[in-house]
Amino acid sequence: MAKKEIVPTTKSGIMAALAETAGITKKQALAVYERLVDLAVKGAKQEEKGYMLPAIGKVKLVKRPARTGRNPMTGETIKIKAKKVVKVVACKALKDAILG
């Protein structure tokens, strides 16, 4: 029976896996990871289209307009203010890899 690969889910586990695969230290892997996150944050803030992370998806800043909603407890109509939200949209390659 084939042994399942254990996929790390913590930041330190991910850094260890990246370091092992790339043949670098954990500190170097962390520096690369933090730079990638920094690029995604800056790119999403600057561009209207968002910032594309190849093989993962697009990080984008979306402006939601003001709207009316309902308080679920009382059913009362309330006004929801306009706001900015961050969306991460998975690319087709990632969806296909996960969903098959």
C-alpha atoms as a PDB file:
ATOM      1  CA  MET A   1       0.000   0.000   0.000  1.00  0.00           C
ATOM      2  CA  ALA A   2       1.384   3.426  -0.961  1.00  0.00           C
ATOM      3  CA  LYS A   3       2.315   5.693   1.889  1.00  0.00           C
ATOM      4  CA  LYS A   4       0.453   9.025   1.935  1.00  0.00           C
ATOM      5  CA  GLU A   5       2.580  12.157   1.821  1.00  0.00           C
ATOM      6  CA  ILE A   6       2.025  14.321   4.888  1.00  0.00           C
ATOM      7  CA  VAL A   7       1.305  17.859   3.715  1.00  0.00           C
ATOM      8  CA  PRO A   8       2.460  20.522   6.182  1.00  0.00           C
ATOM      9  CA  THR A   9      -0.221  22.951   7.332  1.00  0.00           C
ATOM     10  CA  THR A  10       1.759  25.202   9.663  1.00  0.00           C
ATOM     11  CA  LYS A  11       4.036  28.023   8.608  1.00  0.00           C
ATOM     12  CA  SER A  12       7.106  26.314  10.073  1.00  0.00           C
ATOM     13  CA  GLY A  13       6.177  23.040   8.379  1.00  0.00           C
ATOM     14  CA  ILE A  14       5.747  24.759   5.015  1.00  0.00           C
ATOM     15  CA  MET A  15       9.096  26.546   5.411  1.00  0.00           C
ATOM     16  CA  ALA A  16      10.811  23.242   6.261  1.00  0.00           C
ATOM     17  CA  ALA A  17       9.313  21.581   3.179  1.00  0.00           C
ATOM     18  CA  LEU A  18      10.322  24.493   0.924  1.00  0.00           C
ATOM     19  CA  ALA A  19      13.839  24.527   2.359  1.00  0.00           C
ATOM     20  CA  GLU A  20      14.250  20.794   1.860  1.00  0.00           C
ATOM     21  CA  THR A  21      12.961  20.871  -1.715  1.00  0.00           C
ATOM     22  CA  ALA A  22      15.053  23.885  -2.764  1.00  0.00           C
ATOM     23  CA  GLY A  23      18.164  22.880  -0.822  1.00  0.00           C
ATOM     24  CA  ILE A  24      18.252  26.110   1.171  1.00  0.00           C
ATOM     25  CA  THR A  25      17.981  27.018   4.840  1.00  0.00           C
ATOM     26  CA  LYS A  26      14.657  27.593   6.587  1.00  0.00           C
ATOM     27  CA  LYS A  27      15.559  31.275   7.029  1.00  0.00           C
ATOM     28  CA  GLN A  28      16.116  31.631   3.299  1.00  0.00           C
ATOM     29  CA  ALA A  29      12.826  29.849   2.561  1.00  0.00           C
ATOM     30  CA  LEU A  30      11.057  32.187   4.987  1.00  0.00           C
ATOM     31  CA  ALA A  31      12.608  35.229   3.276  1.00  0.00           C
ATOM     32  CA  VAL A  32      11.390  34.024  -0.129  1.00  0.00           C
ATOM     33  CA  TYR A  33       7.906  33.270   1.223  1.00  0.00           C
ATOM     34  CA  GLU A  34       7.621  36.659   2.939  1.00  0.00           C
ATOM     35  CA  ARG A  35       8.762  38.423  -0.241  1.00  0.00           C
ATOM     36  CA  LEU A  36       6.115  36.568  -2.258  1.00  0.00           C
ATOM     37  CA  VAL A  37       3.417  37.606   0.221  1.00  0.00           C
ATOM     38  CA  ASP A  38       4.725  41.201   0.148  1.00  0.00           C
ATOM     39  CA  LEU A  39       4.547  41.259  -3.667  1.00  0.00           C
ATOM     40  CA  ALA A  40       0.986  39.929  -3.591  1.00  0.00           C
ATOM     41  CA  VAL A  41      -0.108  42.562  -1.058  1.00  0.00           C
ATOM     42  CA  LYS A  42       1.490  45.452  -2.939  1.00  0.00           C
ATOM     43  CA  GLY A  43       0.267  44.173  -6.297  1.00  0.00           C
ATOM     44  CA  ALA A  44      -3.312  43.753  -5.114  1.00  0.00           C
ATOM     45  CA  LYS A  45      -3.329  47.304  -3.713  1.00  0.00           C
ATOM     46  CA  GLN A  46      -1.862  48.894  -6.866  1.00  0.00           C
ATOM     47  CA  GLU A  47      -3.554  47.146  -9.751  1.00  0.00           C
ATOM     48  CA  GLU A  48      -7.233  47.180 -10.625  1.00  0.00           C
ATOM     49  CA  LYS A  49      -7.015  43.683 -12.075  1.00  0.00           C
ATOM     50  CA  GLY A  50      -5.332  42.185  -9.030  1.00  0.00           C
ATOM     51  CA  TYR A  51      -2.075  40.306  -8.600  1.00  0.00           C
ATOM     52  CA  MET A  52      -1.682  36.909 -10.258  1.00  0.00           C
ATOM     53  CA  LEU A  53       0.149  34.172  -8.383  1.00  0.00           C
ATOM     54  CA  PRO A  54       0.878  31.606 -11.125  1.00  0.00           C
ATOM     55  CA  ALA A  55      -0.638  28.151 -10.459  1.00  0.00           C
ATOM     56  CA  ILE A  56      -2.494  29.494  -7.397  1.00  0.00           C
ATOM     57  CA  GLY A  57      -4.796  32.328  -8.354  1.00  0.00           C
ATOM     58  CA  LYS A  58      -5.422  36.031  -8.301  1.00  0.00           C
ATOM     59  CA  VAL A  59      -5.416  38.294  -5.239  1.00  0.00           C
ATOM     60  CA  LYS A  60      -7.506  41.387  -5.768  1.00  0.00           C
ATOM     61  CA  LEU A  61      -8.990  44.311  -3.911  1.00  0.00           C
ATOM     62  CA  VAL A  62     -12.719  44.684  -4.591  1.00  0.00           C
ATOM     63  CA  LYS A  63     -14.932  47.647  -3.731  1.00  0.00           C
ATOM     64  CA  ARG A  64     -18.346  46.558  -2.495  1.00  0.00           C
ATOM     65  CA  PRO A  65     -21.112  49.122  -2.923  1.00  0.00           C
ATOM     66  CA  ALA A  66     -23.436  50.175  -0.122  1.00  0.00           C
ATOM     67  CA  ARG A  67     -26.511  47.974   0.150  1.00  0.00           C
ATOM     68  CA  THR A  68     -29.449  47.112   2.342  1.00  0.00           C
ATOM     69  CA  GLY A  69     -29.500  43.936   4.368  1.00  0.00           C
ATOM     70  CA  ARG A  70     -31.451  42.305   7.158  1.00  0.00           C
ATOM     71  CA  ASN A  71     -30.586  41.759  10.786  1.00  0.00           C
ATOM     72  CA  PRO A  72     -30.979  37.967  11.138  1.00  0.00           C
ATOM     73  CA  MET A  73     -32.076  38.251  14.774  1.00  0.00           C
ATOM     74  CA  THR A  74     -34.860  40.787  14.341  1.00  0.00           C
ATOM     75  CA  GLY A  75     -35.530  40.790  10.588  1.00  0.00           C
ATOM     76  CA  GLU A  76     -35.080  44.575  10.646  1.00  0.00           C
ATOM     77  CA  THR A  77     -33.775  46.199   7.434  1.00  0.00           C
ATOM     78  CA  ILE A  78     -30.333  47.789   7.906  1.00  0.00           C
ATOM     79  CA  LYS A  79     -27.965  49.774   5.720  1.00  0.00           C
ATOM     80  CA  ILE A  80     -24.566  48.222   5.060  1.00  0.00           C
ATOM     81  CA  LYS A  81     -21.825  50.724   4.218  1.00  0.00           C
ATOM     82  CA  ALA A  82     -19.625  50.487   1.129  1.00  0.00           C
ATOM     83  CA  LYS A  83     -16.295  48.833   1.867  1.00  0.00           C
ATOM     84  CA  LYS A  84     -13.199  47.297   0.346  1.00  0.00           C
ATOM     85  CA  VAL A  85     -12.599  43.554   0.631  1.00  0.00           C
ATOM     86  CA  VAL A  86      -9.812  41.209  -0.433  1.00  0.00           C
ATOM     87  CA  LYS A  87     -10.649  38.274  -2.675  1.00  0.00           C
ATOM     88  CA  VAL A  88      -8.473  35.359  -3.686  1.00  0.00           C
ATOM     89  CA  VAL A  89      -9.786  33.654  -6.803  1.00  0.00           C
ATOM     90  CA  ALA A  90      -8.340  30.221  -7.578  1.00  0.00           C
ATOM     91  CA  CYS A  91      -7.009  29.790 -11.106  1.00  0.00           C
ATOM     92  CA  LYS A  92      -8.285  27.084 -13.448  1.00  0.00           C
ATOM     93  CA  ALA A  93      -5.138  24.964 -13.072  1.00  0.00           C
ATOM     94  CA  LEU A  94      -5.543  24.873  -9.278  1.00  0.00           C
ATOM     95  CA  LYS A  95      -9.247  24.049  -9.519  1.00  0.00           C
ATOM     96  CA  ASP A  96      -8.539  21.241 -11.995  1.00  0.00           C
ATOM     97  CA  ALA A  97      -5.747  19.826  -9.801  1.00  0.00           C
ATOM     98  CA  ILE A  98      -7.985  19.761  -6.716  1.00  0.00           C
ATOM     99  CA  LEU A  99     -11.330  18.835  -8.270  1.00  0.00           C
ATOM    100  CA  GLY A 100      -9.979  16.528 -10.973  1.00  0.00           C
END
